[in-house]
N, C-alpha and C. Protein backbone atom coordinates (compact mmCIF):
# COMPACT_ATOMS: atom_id res chain seq x y z
N UNK A 1 168.66 151.87 162.14
CA UNK A 1 168.24 151.36 160.71
C UNK A 1 169.60 150.85 160.14
N UNK A 2 169.65 149.77 159.60
CA UNK A 2 170.79 149.30 158.79
C UNK A 2 170.82 149.70 157.42
N UNK A 3 171.98 149.65 156.95
CA UNK A 3 172.15 150.03 155.51
C UNK A 3 171.68 148.98 154.50
N UNK A 4 171.09 149.29 153.44
CA UNK A 4 170.76 148.38 152.48
C UNK A 4 171.97 147.63 151.95
N UNK A 5 171.77 146.25 151.79
CA UNK A 5 172.90 145.37 151.22
C UNK A 5 173.05 145.75 149.76
N UNK A 6 174.30 145.89 149.38
CA UNK A 6 174.57 146.18 147.85
C UNK A 6 174.67 144.71 147.23
N UNK A 7 174.01 144.54 146.10
CA UNK A 7 174.16 143.33 145.40
C UNK A 7 175.55 143.35 144.59
N UNK A 8 176.13 142.20 144.58
CA UNK A 8 177.36 142.00 143.83
C UNK A 8 176.97 141.29 142.42
N UNK A 9 177.03 142.19 141.51
CA UNK A 9 176.68 141.64 140.18
C UNK A 9 177.95 140.68 139.48
N UNK A 10 177.40 139.66 139.04
CA UNK A 10 178.38 138.82 138.34
C UNK A 10 178.51 139.32 136.95
N UNK A 11 179.81 139.26 136.55
CA UNK A 11 180.04 139.77 135.05
C UNK A 11 179.27 138.85 134.13
N UNK A 12 178.79 139.56 133.14
CA UNK A 12 177.96 138.91 132.16
C UNK A 12 178.68 138.79 130.88
N UNK A 13 178.66 137.60 130.31
CA UNK A 13 179.41 137.58 128.92
C UNK A 13 178.41 137.95 127.92
N UNK A 14 178.86 138.95 127.34
CA UNK A 14 178.11 139.67 126.27
C UNK A 14 177.61 138.76 125.20
N UNK A 15 178.54 137.97 124.80
CA UNK A 15 178.24 137.14 123.62
C UNK A 15 177.26 136.02 123.84
N UNK A 16 177.12 135.71 125.12
CA UNK A 16 176.34 134.74 125.56
C UNK A 16 174.86 135.40 125.60
N UNK A 17 174.81 136.53 126.02
CA UNK A 17 173.47 137.30 126.24
C UNK A 17 172.96 137.73 124.73
N UNK A 18 173.85 138.39 123.98
CA UNK A 18 173.46 138.88 122.79
C UNK A 18 173.61 138.13 121.68
N UNK A 19 174.37 137.11 121.65
CA UNK A 19 174.76 136.06 120.59
C UNK A 19 175.99 136.64 119.69
N UNK A 20 176.31 135.87 118.90
CA UNK A 20 177.44 136.28 117.99
C UNK A 20 176.99 137.04 116.88
N UNK A 21 177.80 138.07 116.55
CA UNK A 21 177.52 138.87 115.38
C UNK A 21 177.29 138.13 114.10
N UNK A 22 176.26 138.52 113.35
CA UNK A 22 176.00 137.84 112.01
C UNK A 22 176.63 138.75 110.93
N UNK A 23 177.73 138.28 110.68
CA UNK A 23 178.40 139.01 109.49
C UNK A 23 178.03 138.45 108.14
N UNK A 24 177.65 137.30 108.02
CA UNK A 24 177.30 136.75 106.76
C UNK A 24 175.93 137.22 106.19
N UNK A 25 175.11 137.75 106.98
CA UNK A 25 173.76 138.23 106.41
C UNK A 25 173.87 139.57 105.52
N UNK A 26 173.15 139.51 104.43
CA UNK A 26 173.18 140.77 103.61
C UNK A 26 172.42 141.83 104.41
N UNK A 27 172.68 143.03 104.09
CA UNK A 27 171.93 144.19 104.67
C UNK A 27 170.53 144.23 104.02
N UNK A 28 169.55 144.43 104.86
CA UNK A 28 168.23 144.36 104.35
C UNK A 28 167.88 145.88 103.78
N UNK A 29 167.38 145.94 102.58
CA UNK A 29 167.01 147.07 101.96
C UNK A 29 165.61 147.52 102.38
N UNK A 30 165.42 148.78 102.63
CA UNK A 30 164.08 149.23 103.11
C UNK A 30 163.61 150.21 102.02
N UNK A 31 162.37 149.78 101.74
CA UNK A 31 161.52 150.40 100.59
C UNK A 31 160.27 151.24 101.39
N UNK A 32 160.35 152.53 101.28
CA UNK A 32 159.31 153.41 101.79
C UNK A 32 157.86 152.84 101.25
N UNK A 33 156.82 152.76 102.10
CA UNK A 33 155.58 152.48 101.63
C UNK A 33 154.68 153.71 101.28
N UNK A 34 153.72 153.59 100.54
CA UNK A 34 152.88 154.62 100.15
C UNK A 34 151.99 154.93 101.23
N UNK A 35 151.42 154.12 102.00
CA UNK A 35 150.48 154.46 102.98
C UNK A 35 150.79 153.70 104.31
N UNK A 36 151.61 154.50 105.26
CA UNK A 36 152.09 153.85 106.55
C UNK A 36 150.99 153.45 107.41
N UNK A 37 149.80 153.94 107.42
CA UNK A 37 148.75 153.79 108.13
C UNK A 37 147.78 152.66 107.71
N UNK A 38 148.14 151.89 106.69
CA UNK A 38 147.30 150.86 106.08
C UNK A 38 146.89 149.75 107.08
N UNK A 39 147.75 149.34 107.97
CA UNK A 39 147.42 148.33 109.04
C UNK A 39 146.43 149.00 109.98
N UNK A 40 146.56 150.25 110.43
CA UNK A 40 145.73 151.02 111.17
C UNK A 40 144.42 150.92 110.62
N UNK A 41 144.28 151.32 109.27
CA UNK A 41 143.00 151.43 108.65
C UNK A 41 142.37 150.04 108.53
N UNK A 42 142.96 149.03 108.37
CA UNK A 42 142.42 147.69 108.30
C UNK A 42 141.91 147.23 109.57
N UNK A 43 142.24 147.85 110.66
CA UNK A 43 141.62 147.38 111.88
C UNK A 43 140.32 147.98 112.25
N UNK A 44 140.02 149.05 111.59
CA UNK A 44 138.72 149.81 111.80
C UNK A 44 138.75 150.83 112.94
N UNK A 45 137.67 151.17 113.39
CA UNK A 45 137.66 152.23 114.35
C UNK A 45 138.37 151.76 115.64
N UNK A 46 138.88 152.86 116.26
CA UNK A 46 139.72 152.71 117.54
C UNK A 46 138.77 152.54 118.62
N UNK A 47 138.85 151.38 119.46
CA UNK A 47 137.97 151.17 120.62
C UNK A 47 138.14 152.20 121.76
N UNK A 48 137.30 152.26 122.65
CA UNK A 48 137.41 153.03 123.76
C UNK A 48 137.77 154.64 123.54
N UNK A 49 137.43 155.12 122.38
CA UNK A 49 137.68 156.50 122.06
C UNK A 49 136.34 157.19 122.03
N UNK A 50 136.46 158.53 122.51
CA UNK A 50 135.28 159.22 122.51
C UNK A 50 134.83 159.58 121.05
N UNK A 51 135.93 160.02 120.35
CA UNK A 51 135.69 160.32 118.86
C UNK A 51 136.74 159.35 118.16
N UNK A 52 136.19 158.25 117.51
CA UNK A 52 137.05 157.20 116.91
C UNK A 52 137.78 157.95 115.64
N UNK A 53 137.18 158.76 114.94
CA UNK A 53 137.74 159.39 113.72
C UNK A 53 138.93 160.25 114.25
N UNK A 54 138.85 160.97 115.37
CA UNK A 54 139.81 161.85 115.73
C UNK A 54 141.05 161.04 116.26
N UNK A 55 140.76 159.95 116.95
CA UNK A 55 141.73 159.09 117.58
C UNK A 55 142.45 158.41 116.53
N UNK A 56 141.76 157.95 115.43
CA UNK A 56 142.48 157.35 114.16
C UNK A 56 143.31 158.24 113.44
N UNK A 57 142.88 159.54 113.39
CA UNK A 57 143.71 160.53 112.77
C UNK A 57 144.96 160.79 113.41
N UNK A 58 144.85 160.82 114.80
CA UNK A 58 146.03 161.04 115.58
C UNK A 58 146.98 159.96 115.46
N UNK A 59 146.45 158.60 115.56
CA UNK A 59 147.21 157.50 115.41
C UNK A 59 147.92 157.41 114.01
N UNK A 60 147.21 157.72 113.02
CA UNK A 60 147.76 157.89 111.65
C UNK A 60 148.92 158.91 111.53
N UNK A 61 148.83 159.94 112.16
CA UNK A 61 149.87 160.93 112.24
C UNK A 61 151.10 160.34 112.95
N UNK A 62 151.03 159.55 113.96
CA UNK A 62 152.01 159.00 114.73
C UNK A 62 152.90 157.91 113.71
N UNK A 63 151.99 157.06 112.99
CA UNK A 63 152.49 156.15 112.11
C UNK A 63 153.22 156.81 110.98
N UNK A 64 152.77 157.92 110.44
CA UNK A 64 153.43 158.62 109.38
C UNK A 64 154.79 159.26 109.93
N UNK A 65 154.85 159.70 111.07
CA UNK A 65 156.00 160.41 111.59
C UNK A 65 157.14 159.22 111.88
N UNK A 66 156.61 158.12 112.33
CA UNK A 66 157.53 156.93 112.53
C UNK A 66 158.03 156.43 111.21
N UNK A 67 157.21 156.55 110.17
CA UNK A 67 157.73 156.10 108.82
C UNK A 67 158.70 156.91 108.26
N UNK A 68 158.41 158.28 108.55
CA UNK A 68 159.31 159.40 108.06
C UNK A 68 160.73 159.17 108.64
N UNK A 69 160.60 158.83 110.12
CA UNK A 69 161.88 158.85 110.84
C UNK A 69 162.61 157.54 110.21
N UNK A 70 161.98 156.36 109.97
CA UNK A 70 162.72 155.22 109.51
C UNK A 70 163.20 155.57 108.20
N UNK A 71 162.62 156.19 107.38
CA UNK A 71 163.11 156.36 106.03
C UNK A 71 164.31 157.35 106.10
N UNK A 72 164.26 158.44 106.94
CA UNK A 72 165.40 159.15 107.06
C UNK A 72 166.64 158.52 107.50
N UNK A 73 166.48 157.62 108.57
CA UNK A 73 167.50 156.85 109.15
C UNK A 73 168.15 155.81 108.20
N UNK A 74 167.20 155.37 107.31
CA UNK A 74 167.76 154.44 106.35
C UNK A 74 168.50 155.25 105.23
N UNK A 75 168.01 156.43 104.93
CA UNK A 75 168.65 157.15 103.94
C UNK A 75 169.97 157.64 104.51
N UNK A 76 170.07 157.98 105.66
CA UNK A 76 171.36 158.35 106.30
C UNK A 76 172.50 157.20 106.28
N UNK A 77 171.99 156.05 106.53
CA UNK A 77 172.83 154.79 106.80
C UNK A 77 173.16 153.92 105.60
N UNK A 78 172.22 154.24 104.65
CA UNK A 78 172.63 153.50 103.29
C UNK A 78 171.58 152.46 102.92
N UNK A 79 170.69 151.78 103.68
CA UNK A 79 170.01 150.66 103.17
C UNK A 79 168.58 151.09 102.63
N UNK A 80 168.55 152.33 102.11
CA UNK A 80 167.21 152.74 101.58
C UNK A 80 167.15 152.37 100.11
N UNK A 81 166.01 151.70 99.77
CA UNK A 81 165.89 151.19 98.32
C UNK A 81 164.70 152.02 97.77
N UNK A 82 165.05 152.79 96.68
CA UNK A 82 164.08 153.65 96.25
C UNK A 82 163.53 153.01 94.95
């Protein structure tokens, strides 16, 4: 059995892939929302769930946890707008 060939990777120009840094744009201020699950509520019942209310509650908890994390990161790094 022969050894697998190793690919030789070409060096990638990071600026060509990621683009140039945008130094001129102002920092976007983040304002916490009152109800992070508003979009979820507007979509209605969760399809393909045995108990749609329970699935919706679990998703709402996940949305709220994500919103808390985003607010905490914004507060730690400065762009939080209260």
